[in-house]
């Protein structure tokens, strides 16, 4: 697996059936995104109120019957279909970092692990000399368990003297066509038109862009030469709650992020829940023989707020070249 630019991941819950007819025209809204295979289609089942969609593949010479593709149950709201054959993947399967649900990470070493954290607290996910990323966890407590069910609701990203905030707004009743993203840069709100591929670009850091990967609730955040983040806001469904015994109530759909990360140029001193796995001296001490290893050490990674750099393994600001990130990005 290639370090700091590997492609792996996952996304969340339920299922949707989509029918593909082999023809020559590919709908513009379903065309492949940057970073995905050229023969891919990105689809959003149910977003227009329809559970089934008839789309076209770009292969007209295979002579095969139209095939039926089923979105993986991990990602009912968005999936990638490869033509021909209609093989489906979740979007985050193409991005390394965090996959969906109860926070599960894919480290740079290729191994998956859980980090449960605690609800209503912040944890440093990546901390390097010139880059620091905290995640805010929300959750529910099942009285029968000794821990919280948790999900990542927001990210606080610091580089140089800048602060980028991205969050999933609290939502009582989930509607996929209503945008629940909250974005801000250096304390100023970011407003992006609700159109696929609509883009915001920072005037102070021109290489920082946020592009809508879907009309609502999906974005790609890029800082050239530093990071590439794919984020989707998704809810916990009543079905999820019944299956996993989350104890979901009618006053909160527990909207949270499914996130994929790609990093460029991390130093070998990087740390944090995910960041440490990018070190050349990282040794995975988790039990990889279990279905899903759990990383402990909550107290090591907890931080006082979404932008604080006071976790025990913080590295941010140690470099005398703290402006390097913006220099690389311009």
Protein backbone atom coordinates (compact mmCIF):
# COMPACT_ATOMS: atom_id res chain seq x y z
CA UNK A 1 0.00 0.00 0.00
CA UNK A 2 1.40 3.40 -0.96
CA UNK A 3 1.83 5.62 2.08
CA UNK A 4 0.03 8.97 2.34
CA UNK A 5 -1.71 8.50 -1.02
CA UNK A 6 -3.35 5.11 -0.62
CA UNK A 7 -6.90 4.45 -1.71
CA UNK A 8 -9.15 2.53 0.69
CA UNK A 9 -12.28 3.10 2.72
CA UNK A 10 -15.94 2.49 3.47
CA UNK A 11 -19.37 4.28 3.93
CA UNK A 12 -22.80 3.57 5.78
CA UNK A 13 -26.15 1.64 5.80
CA UNK A 14 -29.38 0.28 3.85
CA UNK A 15 -29.79 -0.61 0.13
CA UNK A 16 -31.15 0.65 -3.18
CA UNK A 17 -31.60 -1.05 -6.55
CA UNK A 18 -30.61 0.78 -9.72
CA UNK A 19 -31.08 -0.42 -13.29
CA UNK A 20 -28.47 0.37 -15.95
CA UNK A 21 -29.08 0.15 -19.69
CA UNK A 22 -26.03 -0.22 -21.90
CA UNK A 23 -26.14 2.77 -24.28
CA UNK A 24 -23.88 5.51 -25.51
CA UNK A 25 -25.10 8.51 -23.52
CA UNK A 26 -24.12 9.02 -19.89
CA UNK A 27 -26.25 11.45 -17.83
CA UNK A 28 -24.11 14.42 -16.78
CA UNK A 29 -25.17 14.16 -13.14
CA UNK A 30 -23.95 10.58 -13.01
CA UNK A 31 -20.56 10.99 -14.65
CA UNK A 32 -17.43 9.89 -12.80
CA UNK A 33 -15.70 12.27 -10.40
CA UNK A 34 -12.04 13.14 -10.28
CA UNK A 35 -10.05 10.42 -8.58
CA UNK A 36 -12.48 7.69 -9.67
CA UNK A 37 -12.07 5.24 -12.57
CA UNK A 38 -13.00 6.64 -15.97
CA UNK A 39 -15.60 3.92 -16.51
CA UNK A 40 -17.48 4.82 -13.33
CA UNK A 41 -20.88 6.38 -12.71
CA UNK A 42 -21.79 8.13 -9.45
CA UNK A 43 -25.44 7.74 -8.52
CA UNK A 44 -27.64 9.06 -5.71
CA UNK A 45 -30.56 6.66 -5.19
CA UNK A 46 -33.70 8.15 -3.71
CA UNK A 47 -32.40 11.72 -3.83
CA UNK A 48 -35.11 12.69 -6.33
CA UNK A 49 -37.79 10.73 -4.50
CA UNK A 50 -37.33 7.61 -6.63
CA UNK A 51 -35.93 4.41 -5.24
CA UNK A 52 -35.06 3.05 -8.71
CA UNK A 53 -33.26 4.92 -11.46
CA UNK A 54 -32.74 3.94 -15.08
CA UNK A 55 -29.32 5.15 -16.16
CA UNK A 56 -27.03 4.38 -19.08
CA UNK A 57 -23.63 2.75 -19.26
CA UNK A 58 -21.00 3.89 -21.72
CA UNK A 59 -20.34 0.45 -23.23
CA UNK A 60 -22.42 -0.34 -26.31
CA UNK A 61 -20.38 -3.25 -27.66
CA UNK A 62 -20.58 -5.95 -25.00
CA UNK A 63 -23.82 -7.32 -26.41
CA UNK A 64 -25.05 -8.16 -22.93
CA UNK A 65 -28.46 -7.62 -21.41
CA UNK A 66 -29.01 -4.61 -19.16
CA UNK A 67 -27.62 -5.41 -15.73
CA UNK A 68 -28.97 -4.60 -12.28
CA UNK A 69 -26.67 -2.96 -9.74
CA UNK A 70 -27.44 -2.84 -6.02
CA UNK A 71 -25.82 -0.15 -3.88
CA UNK A 72 -23.92 -1.59 -0.95
CA UNK A 73 -25.88 -1.49 2.30
CA UNK A 74 -23.12 0.69 3.77
CA UNK A 75 -23.95 3.55 1.40
CA UNK A 76 -27.60 3.85 0.41
CA UNK A 77 -27.44 7.53 -0.53
CA UNK A 78 -24.51 7.47 -2.95
CA UNK A 79 -22.48 4.81 -4.69
CA UNK A 80 -20.12 4.24 -7.58
CA UNK A 81 -20.96 1.86 -10.42
CA UNK A 82 -18.30 0.50 -12.77
CA UNK A 83 -19.35 -0.20 -16.35
CA UNK A 84 -19.64 -2.71 -17.86
CA UNK A 85 -20.80 -5.22 -15.28
CA UNK A 86 -22.54 -2.83 -12.86
CA UNK A 87 -20.18 -3.64 -9.99
CA UNK A 88 -20.85 -1.19 -7.14
CA UNK A 89 -18.66 0.42 -4.50
CA UNK A 90 -19.15 2.99 -1.76
CA UNK A 91 -17.58 6.36 -2.51
CA UNK A 92 -15.14 6.13 0.38
CA UNK A 93 -13.77 2.83 -0.93
CA UNK A 94 -11.66 5.08 -3.16
CA UNK A 95 -10.37 7.29 -0.33
CA UNK A 96 -8.21 6.39 2.69
CA UNK A 97 -9.03 7.61 6.20
CA UNK A 98 -12.34 7.34 8.03
CA UNK A 99 -15.15 5.11 6.94
CA UNK A 100 -18.70 5.33 8.07
CA UNK A 101 -20.69 4.74 11.17
CA UNK A 102 -19.24 4.17 14.62
CA UNK A 103 -15.89 5.77 13.77
CA UNK A 104 -13.82 3.22 11.92
CA UNK A 105 -10.52 4.17 10.39
CA UNK A 106 -8.34 2.70 7.71
CA UNK A 107 -4.74 3.42 8.62
CA UNK A 108 -1.91 4.10 6.19
CA UNK A 109 -0.79 0.52 6.85
CA UNK A 110 -4.05 -0.74 5.34
CA UNK A 111 -5.51 -2.07 8.59
CA UNK A 112 -8.98 -1.07 9.83
CA UNK A 113 -9.70 -0.17 13.45
CA UNK A 114 -12.37 1.43 15.60
CA UNK A 115 -11.87 4.46 17.79
CA UNK A 116 -15.01 5.06 19.82
CA UNK A 117 -13.96 8.20 21.69
CA UNK A 118 -16.77 9.74 23.76
CA UNK A 119 -19.87 11.68 22.81
CA UNK A 120 -19.79 15.47 22.99
CA UNK A 121 -15.99 15.54 23.07
CA UNK A 122 -13.23 16.45 20.61
CA UNK A 123 -10.26 14.30 19.61
CA UNK A 124 -7.13 14.97 17.56
CA UNK A 125 -7.26 12.79 14.46
CA UNK A 126 -4.14 14.14 12.79
CA UNK A 127 -1.48 16.35 14.35
CA UNK A 128 1.63 17.37 12.45
CA UNK A 129 3.97 20.35 12.56
CA UNK A 130 1.91 22.33 10.04
CA UNK A 131 -1.46 20.57 10.05
CA UNK A 132 -3.88 19.68 12.83
CA UNK A 133 -7.31 18.05 12.49
CA UNK A 134 -9.75 17.53 15.36
CA UNK A 135 -13.05 15.67 15.20
CA UNK A 136 -16.13 16.33 17.32
CA UNK A 137 -17.99 13.19 18.32
CA UNK A 138 -21.72 12.92 18.95
CA UNK A 139 -23.36 9.80 20.30
CA UNK A 140 -25.96 7.81 22.15
CA UNK A 141 -25.51 5.74 25.28
CA UNK A 142 -27.08 2.30 25.43
CA UNK A 143 -27.64 1.52 29.14
CA UNK A 144 -26.71 -2.09 28.47
CA UNK A 145 -23.24 -1.08 27.27
CA UNK A 146 -20.21 0.46 28.93
CA UNK A 147 -19.49 2.90 26.10
CA UNK A 148 -21.21 5.37 23.80
CA UNK A 149 -22.24 4.74 20.24
CA UNK A 150 -20.38 7.57 18.51
CA UNK A 151 -20.17 9.33 15.16
CA UNK A 152 -18.08 12.21 13.81
CA UNK A 153 -20.24 15.34 13.54
CA UNK A 154 -17.63 18.01 12.77
CA UNK A 155 -14.01 18.65 11.84
CA UNK A 156 -11.79 21.53 12.91
CA UNK A 157 -8.79 21.89 10.59
CA UNK A 158 -5.83 24.14 11.33
CA UNK A 159 -2.96 24.97 9.00
CA UNK A 160 -0.60 27.93 9.27
CA UNK A 161 -2.75 30.60 10.97
CA UNK A 162 -6.00 29.46 9.32
CA UNK A 163 -9.00 27.57 10.64
CA UNK A 164 -11.47 25.60 8.54
CA UNK A 165 -14.68 24.31 10.12
CA UNK A 166 -17.04 21.76 8.59
CA UNK A 167 -20.00 20.21 10.36
CA UNK A 168 -23.20 18.25 9.97
CA UNK A 169 -26.02 20.32 11.45
CA UNK A 170 -28.30 18.76 14.02
CA UNK A 171 -31.36 17.49 12.18
CA UNK A 172 -34.66 16.31 13.65
CA UNK A 173 -36.24 14.87 10.49
CA UNK A 174 -33.86 13.87 7.74
CA UNK A 175 -34.61 14.89 4.16
CA UNK A 176 -31.86 14.14 1.66
CA UNK A 177 -32.72 17.12 -0.55
CA UNK A 178 -32.18 19.58 2.32
CA UNK A 179 -28.56 20.65 2.81
CA UNK A 180 -27.30 20.12 6.37
CA UNK A 181 -23.70 21.23 5.83
CA UNK A 182 -22.18 24.04 7.89
CA UNK A 183 -18.90 25.50 6.65
CA UNK A 184 -16.68 28.36 7.81
CA UNK A 185 -13.16 29.58 7.09
CA UNK A 186 -11.37 31.81 9.58
CA UNK A 187 -14.69 32.46 11.29
CA UNK A 188 -16.55 33.53 8.14
CA UNK A 189 -19.44 31.36 6.86
CA UNK A 190 -19.01 29.68 3.48
CA UNK A 191 -21.99 29.57 1.16
CA UNK A 192 -21.86 27.31 -1.90
CA UNK A 193 -24.75 27.07 -4.40
CA UNK A 194 -26.65 23.78 -4.11
CA UNK A 195 -25.48 22.49 -7.47
CA UNK A 196 -23.18 19.56 -8.23
CA UNK A 197 -19.63 20.79 -8.95
CA UNK A 198 -20.35 24.27 -7.55
CA UNK A 199 -17.09 25.47 -5.99
CA UNK A 200 -15.88 27.92 -3.35
CA UNK A 201 -12.27 29.12 -3.46
CA UNK A 202 -10.51 30.99 -0.70
CA UNK A 203 -9.28 34.45 -1.62
CA UNK A 204 -6.55 34.36 1.04
CA UNK A 205 -5.43 30.79 0.29
CA UNK A 206 -6.32 30.27 -3.39
CA UNK A 207 -5.36 26.57 -3.33
CA UNK A 208 -8.07 25.87 -0.76
CA UNK A 209 -11.27 24.83 -2.53
CA UNK A 210 -14.55 23.22 -1.52
CA UNK A 211 -16.54 21.56 -4.29
CA UNK A 212 -20.00 20.08 -4.04
CA UNK A 213 -19.89 16.37 -4.94
CA UNK A 214 -23.70 16.37 -4.71
CA UNK A 215 -26.30 19.12 -4.77
CA UNK A 216 -26.76 18.67 -1.01
CA UNK A 217 -24.76 17.14 1.83
CA UNK A 218 -21.67 16.11 -0.14
CA UNK A 219 -18.39 18.01 -0.55
CA UNK A 220 -14.77 17.57 -1.53
CA UNK A 221 -12.32 19.78 0.38
CA UNK A 222 -8.86 20.22 -1.12
CA UNK A 223 -5.76 22.12 -0.06
CA UNK A 224 -3.31 21.60 -2.89
CA UNK A 225 -0.27 19.65 -1.82
CA UNK A 226 -1.63 19.10 1.70
CA UNK A 227 -4.93 17.20 1.87
CA UNK A 228 -7.96 15.97 -0.03
CA UNK A 229 -11.09 15.26 2.03
CA UNK A 230 -14.32 13.71 0.81
CA UNK A 231 -17.25 14.22 3.20
CA UNK A 232 -20.93 13.30 3.10
CA UNK A 233 -23.57 14.15 5.70
CA UNK A 234 -25.75 11.12 6.45
CA UNK A 235 -28.33 10.25 9.14
CA UNK A 236 -28.86 7.25 11.35
CA UNK A 237 -32.05 5.65 10.09
CA UNK A 238 -34.74 4.05 12.19
CA UNK A 239 -33.76 0.73 10.62
CA UNK A 240 -30.12 1.24 11.67
CA UNK A 241 -31.29 2.03 15.18
CA UNK A 242 -33.40 -1.11 15.42
CA UNK A 243 -30.67 -3.37 14.08
CA UNK A 244 -27.87 -1.97 16.25
CA UNK A 245 -29.98 -0.92 19.22
CA UNK A 246 -28.80 2.69 19.06
CA UNK A 247 -31.83 3.96 20.95
CA UNK A 248 -32.50 6.73 18.45
CA UNK A 249 -35.25 9.21 19.40
CA UNK A 250 -37.59 11.33 17.25
CA UNK A 251 -35.84 14.59 18.16
CA UNK A 252 -32.51 13.84 16.46
CA UNK A 253 -31.56 11.90 13.32
CA UNK A 254 -27.90 11.94 14.49
CA UNK A 255 -26.65 13.49 11.25
CA UNK A 256 -22.92 12.88 10.94
CA UNK A 257 -20.06 12.65 8.46
CA UNK A 258 -18.84 9.79 6.34
CA UNK A 259 -15.31 10.94 5.56
CA UNK A 260 -12.37 9.93 3.44
CA UNK A 261 -8.90 11.47 3.78
CA UNK A 262 -5.89 11.67 1.51
CA UNK A 263 -2.74 13.41 2.76
CA UNK A 264 0.34 14.74 1.01
CA UNK A 265 3.68 15.48 2.65
CA UNK A 266 3.04 14.51 6.27
CA UNK A 267 6.23 14.46 8.34
CA UNK A 268 7.51 11.36 10.06
CA UNK A 269 6.61 12.91 13.42
CA UNK A 270 2.87 13.03 12.66
CA UNK A 271 0.52 11.71 15.36
CA UNK A 272 -3.14 11.49 16.27
CA UNK A 273 -5.67 8.67 16.05
CA UNK A 274 -5.20 8.34 12.29
CA UNK A 275 -2.05 10.38 11.77
CA UNK A 276 0.25 8.03 13.66
CA UNK A 277 -0.37 5.28 11.11
CA UNK A 278 1.49 7.40 8.50
CA UNK A 279 4.78 7.26 10.44
CA UNK A 280 7.51 5.01 9.05
CA UNK A 281 8.14 3.69 12.57
CA UNK A 282 4.45 2.94 13.25
CA UNK A 283 3.92 -0.53 14.68
CA UNK A 284 0.34 -1.80 14.73
CA UNK A 285 -0.18 -3.22 18.21
CA UNK A 286 -3.90 -3.83 17.75
CA UNK A 287 -5.31 -7.33 17.54
CA UNK A 288 -5.70 -7.61 13.78
CA UNK A 289 -7.16 -11.12 14.17
CA UNK A 290 -10.41 -9.72 15.61
CA UNK A 291 -13.30 -8.67 13.38
CA UNK A 292 -12.55 -5.05 14.11
CA UNK A 293 -9.64 -4.02 16.37
CA UNK A 294 -10.34 -1.17 18.80
CA UNK A 295 -7.82 1.58 19.49
CA UNK A 296 -7.99 2.75 23.07
CA UNK A 297 -6.14 5.63 24.69
CA UNK A 298 -9.03 8.09 24.64
CA UNK A 299 -7.24 10.35 27.15
CA UNK A 300 -4.23 10.56 24.82
CA UNK A 301 -6.22 12.11 21.99
CA UNK A 302 -8.88 14.19 23.76
CA UNK A 303 -8.64 17.94 23.23
CA UNK A 304 -10.44 20.84 24.89
CA UNK A 305 -12.33 22.08 21.81
CA UNK A 306 -12.66 21.67 18.06
CA UNK A 307 -9.66 23.88 17.25
CA UNK A 308 -7.44 23.25 20.28
CA UNK A 309 -4.02 21.68 19.83
CA UNK A 310 -3.68 20.51 23.43
CA UNK A 311 -4.03 16.75 23.07
CA UNK A 312 -1.11 14.83 24.59
CA UNK A 313 0.33 13.92 21.20
CA UNK A 314 -0.06 17.37 19.60
CA UNK A 315 2.66 18.30 17.10
CA UNK A 316 1.16 21.44 15.58
CA UNK A 317 3.37 24.53 15.66
CA UNK A 318 6.59 22.71 16.45
CA UNK A 319 8.06 23.60 13.07
CA UNK A 320 9.66 27.00 12.59
CA UNK A 321 8.25 26.89 9.07
CA UNK A 322 4.60 26.92 10.12
CA UNK A 323 3.72 28.92 7.02
CA UNK A 324 5.02 26.09 4.85
CA UNK A 325 1.53 24.68 4.30
CA UNK A 326 0.20 27.82 2.72
CA UNK A 327 3.42 28.16 0.79
CA UNK A 328 2.97 24.67 -0.64
CA UNK A 329 -0.66 25.41 -1.42
CA UNK A 330 -0.14 28.58 -3.42
